[in-house]
Amino acid sequence: MAKGVSQQDISQAADALLAAGERPTVERVRLALGRGSPNTIGPLLEAWWSQLAQRLAQRLALPAVPEAVGEAFAQVWEAALAAGQARAETVVAPERAALADVLAKAETAMANDRAARAALETQLATAKGEAEAHYAALVMSDQRNSDLQRQVASQQAELQALSLRLDATLARHHSVVQQAESERAAAATEREALQAHGRQTEDRAYAEVDRLRQEIKVTKAQLAAQAREHAAALRTAEQSLRAAHVAQHRAERESAAAHARAQLLERQRAKSPAAPTKKATSPPRRRTAKSKSAPDA
């Protein structure tokens, strides 16, 4: 029951409407009272209708009359009450149906609200669980990120150390190459000197041919000996040149081997970051012996 609305208030308002010649309805009673909801006024108005016949019977009690007249009057009165009740039921039926429909709609709306609230609570619980899971994943991701940063810093330090060792290896390789170039230049210089010596020897031989044409029989043996010495000098020069080429090829192979070992160290470090790296050893350097120059003819 709504606050401030009682059965007595409903009965007085309905009596007033009935006395004014109007049929009491939920809306008219509500307008007459100025308060109350249809859900509260409806049941109280139904109670008023159920008591209306008894109240009218008490108010219309007749004085003593003959029994036959009283019975006839009672039958007429009962018939009138039945007709009035039937008419009232007919008139009230649409309002009862409307009220029942309003109540059904209200119950449906309340059920929908309860279902929606339950769904929202379920969604809230799910969202809360997902948020907690996301937070845990974020914490784990931060931890992994920190671990990865430390690993990257360690690998960068190791890579820097390996780069320094590689620079040192390349410097040694450059030094070996420079030495090989120097030895090759020296061999080329020596070869040029031998060739020049050979040309000078040949020039002297041609001069001696013109000068010693008359003495060819005597000096033939000497010229043969000079030719043999010249051939020996050329062979010696060629041997020196080949030795220089061999030294150059050996230096290039040693340089390539040093570079390959450096690359192998980088790959091993990439596969096993925690394994200590071995210090790359520089390839041994071999000096080529300088060929002896051929004696002058």
Protein backbone atom coordinates (compact mmCIF):
# COMPACT_ATOMS: atom_id res chain seq x y z
CA MET A 1 0.00 0.00 0.00
CA ALA A 2 1.28 3.43 -0.92
CA LYS A 3 1.96 5.79 1.92
CA GLY A 4 -1.01 8.00 2.80
CA VAL A 5 -3.65 5.88 0.98
CA SER A 6 -5.94 3.64 3.06
CA GLN A 7 -9.16 1.65 2.56
CA GLN A 8 -11.08 4.38 4.32
CA ASP A 9 -9.74 7.02 1.89
CA ILE A 10 -10.73 4.88 -1.09
CA SER A 11 -14.19 4.15 0.34
CA GLN A 12 -14.91 7.84 1.08
CA ALA A 13 -13.75 8.91 -2.41
CA ALA A 14 -15.83 6.17 -4.09
CA ASP A 15 -18.91 7.05 -1.99
CA ALA A 16 -18.52 10.69 -2.99
CA LEU A 17 -18.29 9.80 -6.68
CA LEU A 18 -21.31 7.48 -6.39
CA ALA A 19 -23.32 10.19 -4.61
CA ALA A 20 -22.38 12.62 -7.41
CA GLY A 21 -23.82 10.22 -9.96
CA GLU A 22 -20.47 9.09 -11.31
CA ARG A 23 -19.19 5.56 -11.48
CA PRO A 24 -16.09 5.09 -9.25
CA THR A 25 -13.05 4.05 -11.30
CA VAL A 26 -9.38 3.81 -10.50
CA GLU A 27 -8.55 7.01 -12.38
CA ARG A 28 -11.49 8.96 -10.90
CA VAL A 29 -10.66 7.85 -7.35
CA ARG A 30 -7.01 8.75 -7.94
CA LEU A 31 -8.00 12.19 -9.24
CA ALA A 32 -10.32 12.68 -6.29
CA LEU A 33 -7.59 11.76 -3.77
CA GLY A 34 -4.77 13.48 -5.63
CA ARG A 35 -2.35 10.67 -4.77
CA GLY A 36 -1.87 6.93 -4.91
CA SER A 37 -0.84 4.58 -7.69
CA PRO A 38 -3.19 2.43 -9.83
CA ASN A 39 -1.59 -0.72 -8.41
CA THR A 40 -2.58 0.37 -4.89
CA ILE A 41 -6.00 1.90 -5.63
CA GLY A 42 -7.20 -1.06 -7.78
CA PRO A 43 -7.35 -3.75 -5.03
CA LEU A 44 -8.83 -1.29 -2.49
CA LEU A 45 -11.52 -0.23 -4.99
CA GLU A 46 -12.35 -3.90 -5.61
CA ALA A 47 -12.83 -4.35 -1.86
CA TRP A 48 -15.17 -1.33 -1.83
CA TRP A 49 -17.26 -2.84 -4.65
CA SER A 50 -17.50 -6.16 -2.79
CA GLN A 51 -18.84 -4.39 0.34
CA LEU A 52 -21.17 -2.05 -1.55
CA ALA A 53 -24.20 -4.41 -1.58
CA GLN A 54 -23.97 -5.08 2.13
CA ARG A 55 -23.70 -1.39 2.95
CA LEU A 56 -26.66 -0.52 0.75
CA ALA A 57 -28.71 -3.29 2.34
CA GLN A 58 -27.98 -1.90 5.76
CA ARG A 59 -28.90 1.63 4.71
CA LEU A 60 -32.14 0.56 2.94
CA ALA A 61 -33.50 -1.69 5.74
CA LEU A 62 -37.30 -1.39 5.69
CA PRO A 63 -39.58 -1.15 8.72
CA ALA A 64 -41.71 -4.13 9.70
CA VAL A 65 -43.89 -5.24 6.80
CA PRO A 66 -45.90 -8.37 6.15
CA GLU A 67 -43.79 -11.41 5.60
CA ALA A 68 -45.01 -11.98 2.05
CA VAL A 69 -44.27 -8.36 1.10
CA GLY A 70 -40.88 -8.56 2.74
CA GLU A 71 -40.00 -11.72 0.86
CA ALA A 72 -41.15 -10.24 -2.43
CA PHE A 73 -39.24 -7.05 -1.79
CA ALA A 74 -36.15 -9.07 -0.79
CA GLN A 75 -36.37 -11.07 -4.02
CA VAL A 76 -36.70 -7.85 -6.04
CA TRP A 77 -33.79 -6.34 -4.16
CA GLU A 78 -31.60 -9.40 -4.66
CA ALA A 79 -32.42 -9.38 -8.35
CA ALA A 80 -31.56 -5.69 -8.56
CA LEU A 81 -28.31 -6.29 -6.70
CA ALA A 82 -27.45 -9.19 -9.03
CA ALA A 83 -28.18 -7.06 -12.08
CA GLY A 84 -26.17 -4.18 -10.68
CA GLN A 85 -23.30 -6.52 -9.80
CA ALA A 86 -23.35 -8.03 -13.29
CA ARG A 87 -23.40 -4.57 -14.88
CA ALA A 88 -20.61 -3.43 -12.60
CA GLU A 89 -18.60 -6.53 -13.48
CA THR A 90 -19.20 -5.81 -17.19
CA VAL A 91 -18.08 -2.21 -16.81
CA VAL A 92 -15.11 -3.05 -14.59
CA ALA A 93 -13.92 -6.00 -16.72
CA PRO A 94 -12.05 -3.78 -19.30
CA GLU A 95 -10.39 -1.87 -16.50
CA ARG A 96 -9.45 -5.12 -14.79
CA ALA A 97 -8.03 -6.41 -18.09
CA ALA A 98 -6.14 -3.16 -18.62
CA LEU A 99 -4.89 -3.30 -15.04
CA ALA A 100 -3.88 -6.95 -15.47
CA ASP A 101 -2.09 -6.01 -18.68
CA VAL A 102 -0.28 -3.16 -16.92
CA LEU A 103 0.66 -5.53 -14.08
CA ALA A 104 1.86 -8.15 -16.59
CA LYS A 105 3.90 -5.58 -18.44
CA ALA A 106 5.33 -4.32 -15.16
CA GLU A 107 6.23 -7.88 -14.13
CA THR A 108 7.79 -8.48 -17.55
CA ALA A 109 9.74 -5.25 -17.32
CA MET A 110 10.89 -6.16 -13.80
CA ALA A 111 11.90 -9.63 -14.99
CA ASN A 112 13.75 -8.10 -17.92
CA ASP A 113 15.45 -5.67 -15.55
CA ARG A 114 16.45 -8.50 -13.25
CA ALA A 115 17.78 -10.52 -16.23
CA ALA A 116 19.62 -7.48 -17.56
CA ARG A 117 21.06 -6.82 -14.11
CA ALA A 118 22.19 -10.44 -13.84
CA ALA A 119 23.72 -10.24 -17.33
CA LEU A 120 25.48 -7.01 -16.40
CA GLU A 121 26.79 -8.55 -13.18
CA THR A 122 28.03 -11.54 -15.19
CA GLN A 123 29.65 -9.23 -17.73
CA LEU A 124 31.16 -7.19 -14.91
CA ALA A 125 32.61 -10.32 -13.32
CA THR A 126 33.94 -11.48 -16.71
CA ALA A 127 35.41 -8.05 -17.43
CA LYS A 128 36.97 -7.98 -13.97
CA GLY A 129 38.52 -11.41 -14.55
CA GLU A 130 39.78 -10.35 -17.97
CA ALA A 131 41.21 -7.14 -16.51
CA GLU A 132 43.01 -9.10 -13.81
CA ALA A 133 44.33 -11.52 -16.44
CA HIS A 134 45.46 -8.60 -18.64
CA TYR A 135 47.17 -7.00 -15.66
CA ALA A 136 48.97 -10.23 -14.83
CA ALA A 137 49.99 -10.61 -18.48
CA LEU A 138 51.21 -6.99 -18.48
CA VAL A 139 53.29 -7.59 -15.36
CA MET A 140 54.75 -10.75 -16.93
CA SER A 141 55.40 -8.87 -20.18
CA ASP A 142 57.23 -6.12 -18.29
CA GLN A 143 59.34 -8.74 -16.54
CA ARG A 144 60.13 -10.43 -19.85
CA ASN A 145 60.96 -7.08 -21.38
CA SER A 146 63.38 -6.34 -18.54
CA ASP A 147 65.01 -9.76 -18.96
CA LEU A 148 65.29 -9.23 -22.73
CA GLN A 149 66.82 -5.80 -22.21
CA ARG A 150 69.43 -7.28 -19.87
CA GLN A 151 70.17 -10.05 -22.38
CA VAL A 152 70.43 -7.52 -25.22
CA ALA A 153 72.83 -5.37 -23.16
CA SER A 154 74.97 -8.44 -22.39
CA GLN A 155 74.99 -9.53 -26.02
CA GLN A 156 75.85 -6.01 -27.15
CA ALA A 157 78.82 -5.97 -24.77
CA GLU A 158 79.97 -9.36 -26.05
CA LEU A 159 79.45 -8.20 -29.65
CA GLN A 160 81.51 -5.09 -28.97
CA ALA A 161 84.33 -7.21 -27.53
CA LEU A 162 84.13 -9.54 -30.52
CA SER A 163 84.19 -6.52 -32.84
CA LEU A 164 87.37 -5.28 -31.15
CA ARG A 165 88.98 -8.70 -31.59
CA LEU A 166 87.85 -8.75 -35.21
CA ASP A 167 89.36 -5.30 -35.77
CA ALA A 168 92.64 -6.56 -34.32
CA THR A 169 92.52 -9.62 -36.58
CA LEU A 170 91.80 -7.43 -39.61
CA ALA A 171 94.69 -5.15 -38.64
CA ARG A 172 97.02 -8.16 -38.48
CA HIS A 173 95.63 -9.33 -41.82
CA HIS A 174 96.30 -5.89 -43.29
CA SER A 175 99.83 -6.00 -41.95
CA VAL A 176 100.39 -9.45 -43.51
CA VAL A 177 99.00 -8.21 -46.82
CA GLN A 178 101.23 -5.14 -46.72
CA GLN A 179 104.26 -7.30 -45.98
CA ALA A 180 103.33 -9.60 -48.87
CA GLU A 181 102.96 -6.57 -51.11
CA SER A 182 106.38 -5.32 -50.00
CA GLU A 183 107.94 -8.70 -50.69
CA ARG A 184 106.25 -8.85 -54.09
CA ALA A 185 107.48 -5.34 -54.90
CA ALA A 186 110.99 -6.34 -53.85
CA ALA A 187 110.78 -9.46 -56.03
CA ALA A 188 109.54 -7.33 -58.96
CA THR A 189 112.41 -4.90 -58.45
CA GLU A 190 114.87 -7.75 -58.33
CA ARG A 191 113.33 -9.26 -61.46
CA GLU A 192 113.63 -5.94 -63.27
CA ALA A 193 117.25 -5.70 -62.17
CA LEU A 194 117.90 -9.21 -63.46
CA GLN A 195 116.21 -8.37 -66.75
CA ALA A 196 118.25 -5.20 -67.04
CA HIS A 197 121.36 -7.20 -66.26
CA GLY A 198 120.37 -9.68 -68.94
CA ARG A 199 119.88 -6.91 -71.46
CA GLN A 200 123.23 -5.42 -70.56
CA THR A 201 124.84 -8.82 -70.92
CA GLU A 202 123.19 -9.30 -74.28
CA ASP A 203 124.34 -5.87 -75.43
CA ARG A 204 127.89 -6.63 -74.38
CA ALA A 205 127.67 -9.94 -76.17
CA TYR A 206 126.57 -8.29 -79.40
CA ALA A 207 129.38 -5.74 -79.05
CA GLU A 208 131.84 -8.49 -78.42
CA VAL A 209 130.58 -10.33 -81.54
CA ASP A 210 131.50 -7.35 -83.73
CA ARG A 211 134.78 -6.84 -81.94
CA LEU A 212 135.77 -10.45 -81.70
CA ARG A 213 134.58 -11.63 -85.11
CA GLN A 214 138.12 -12.42 -85.97
CA GLU A 215 138.65 -14.11 -82.60
CA ILE A 216 135.47 -16.14 -82.64
CA LYS A 217 137.30 -19.41 -82.62
CA VAL A 218 139.30 -18.39 -79.60
CA THR A 219 136.44 -16.81 -77.62
CA LYS A 220 133.69 -19.28 -78.63
CA ALA A 221 134.19 -21.22 -75.48
CA GLN A 222 134.00 -18.00 -73.43
CA LEU A 223 130.76 -16.93 -75.13
CA ALA A 224 129.25 -20.37 -74.48
CA ALA A 225 130.18 -20.07 -70.83
CA GLN A 226 128.63 -16.60 -70.69
CA ALA A 227 125.48 -17.95 -72.31
CA ARG A 228 125.29 -20.68 -69.68
CA GLU A 229 125.76 -18.11 -66.91
CA HIS A 230 123.08 -15.95 -68.48
CA ALA A 231 120.66 -18.91 -68.61
CA ALA A 232 121.45 -19.75 -65.00
CA ALA A 233 120.78 -16.15 -64.00
CA LEU A 234 117.45 -16.20 -65.81
CA ARG A 235 116.49 -19.47 -64.11
CA THR A 236 117.45 -17.99 -60.76
CA ALA A 237 115.32 -14.90 -61.46
CA GLU A 238 112.36 -17.04 -62.48
CA GLN A 239 112.74 -19.15 -59.33
CA SER A 240 112.78 -15.98 -57.20
CA LEU A 241 109.68 -14.71 -58.98
CA ARG A 242 107.85 -18.02 -58.42
CA ALA A 243 108.90 -17.98 -54.76
CA ALA A 244 107.48 -14.46 -54.44
CA HIS A 245 104.19 -15.59 -56.02
CA VAL A 246 104.04 -18.59 -53.67
CA ALA A 247 104.61 -16.32 -50.65
CA GLN A 248 101.88 -13.97 -51.87
CA HIS A 249 99.38 -16.86 -52.32
CA ARG A 250 100.27 -18.25 -48.89
CA ALA A 251 99.69 -14.84 -47.29
CA GLU A 252 96.31 -14.52 -49.05
CA ARG A 253 95.26 -18.02 -47.89
CA GLU A 254 96.30 -17.25 -44.32
CA SER A 255 94.36 -13.98 -44.47
CA ALA A 256 91.24 -15.79 -45.77
CA ALA A 257 91.61 -18.43 -43.03
CA ALA A 258 91.82 -15.70 -40.38
CA HIS A 259 88.68 -14.03 -41.77
CA ALA A 260 86.84 -17.40 -41.83
CA ARG A 261 87.81 -18.07 -38.21
CA ALA A 262 86.51 -14.63 -37.23
CA GLN A 263 83.16 -15.33 -38.94
CA LEU A 264 83.00 -18.76 -37.23
CA LEU A 265 83.51 -17.07 -33.87
CA GLU A 266 80.65 -14.65 -34.62
CA ARG A 267 78.28 -17.52 -35.54
CA GLN A 268 79.27 -19.51 -32.43
CA ARG A 269 78.68 -16.43 -30.29
CA ALA A 270 75.24 -15.89 -31.92
CA LYS A 271 74.27 -19.54 -31.21
CA SER A 272 75.66 -19.69 -27.63
CA PRO A 273 75.63 -16.18 -26.05
CA ALA A 274 76.85 -17.49 -22.65
CA ALA A 275 79.80 -19.55 -24.00
CA PRO A 276 83.19 -17.81 -23.69
CA THR A 277 84.76 -16.97 -26.99
CA LYS A 278 88.25 -18.14 -27.89
CA LYS A 279 90.80 -15.53 -28.81
CA ALA A 280 91.40 -15.57 -32.51
CA THR A 281 95.03 -16.33 -33.22
CA SER A 282 96.77 -14.53 -36.01
CA PRO A 283 98.03 -16.74 -38.82
CA PRO A 284 101.77 -17.35 -38.80
CA ARG A 285 103.72 -15.26 -41.17
CA ARG A 286 106.44 -16.71 -43.32
CA ARG A 287 109.00 -14.63 -45.01
CA THR A 288 110.06 -15.63 -48.45
CA ALA A 289 113.72 -15.86 -49.11
CA LYS A 290 115.03 -13.38 -51.58
CA SER A 291 116.46 -14.88 -54.68
CA LYS A 292 120.09 -14.32 -55.39
CA SER A 293 120.91 -12.15 -58.31
CA ALA A 294 122.73 -13.74 -61.20
CA PRO A 295 126.40 -12.82 -61.57
CA ASP A 296 127.38 -10.50 -64.32
CA ALA A 297 128.71 -12.11 -67.46
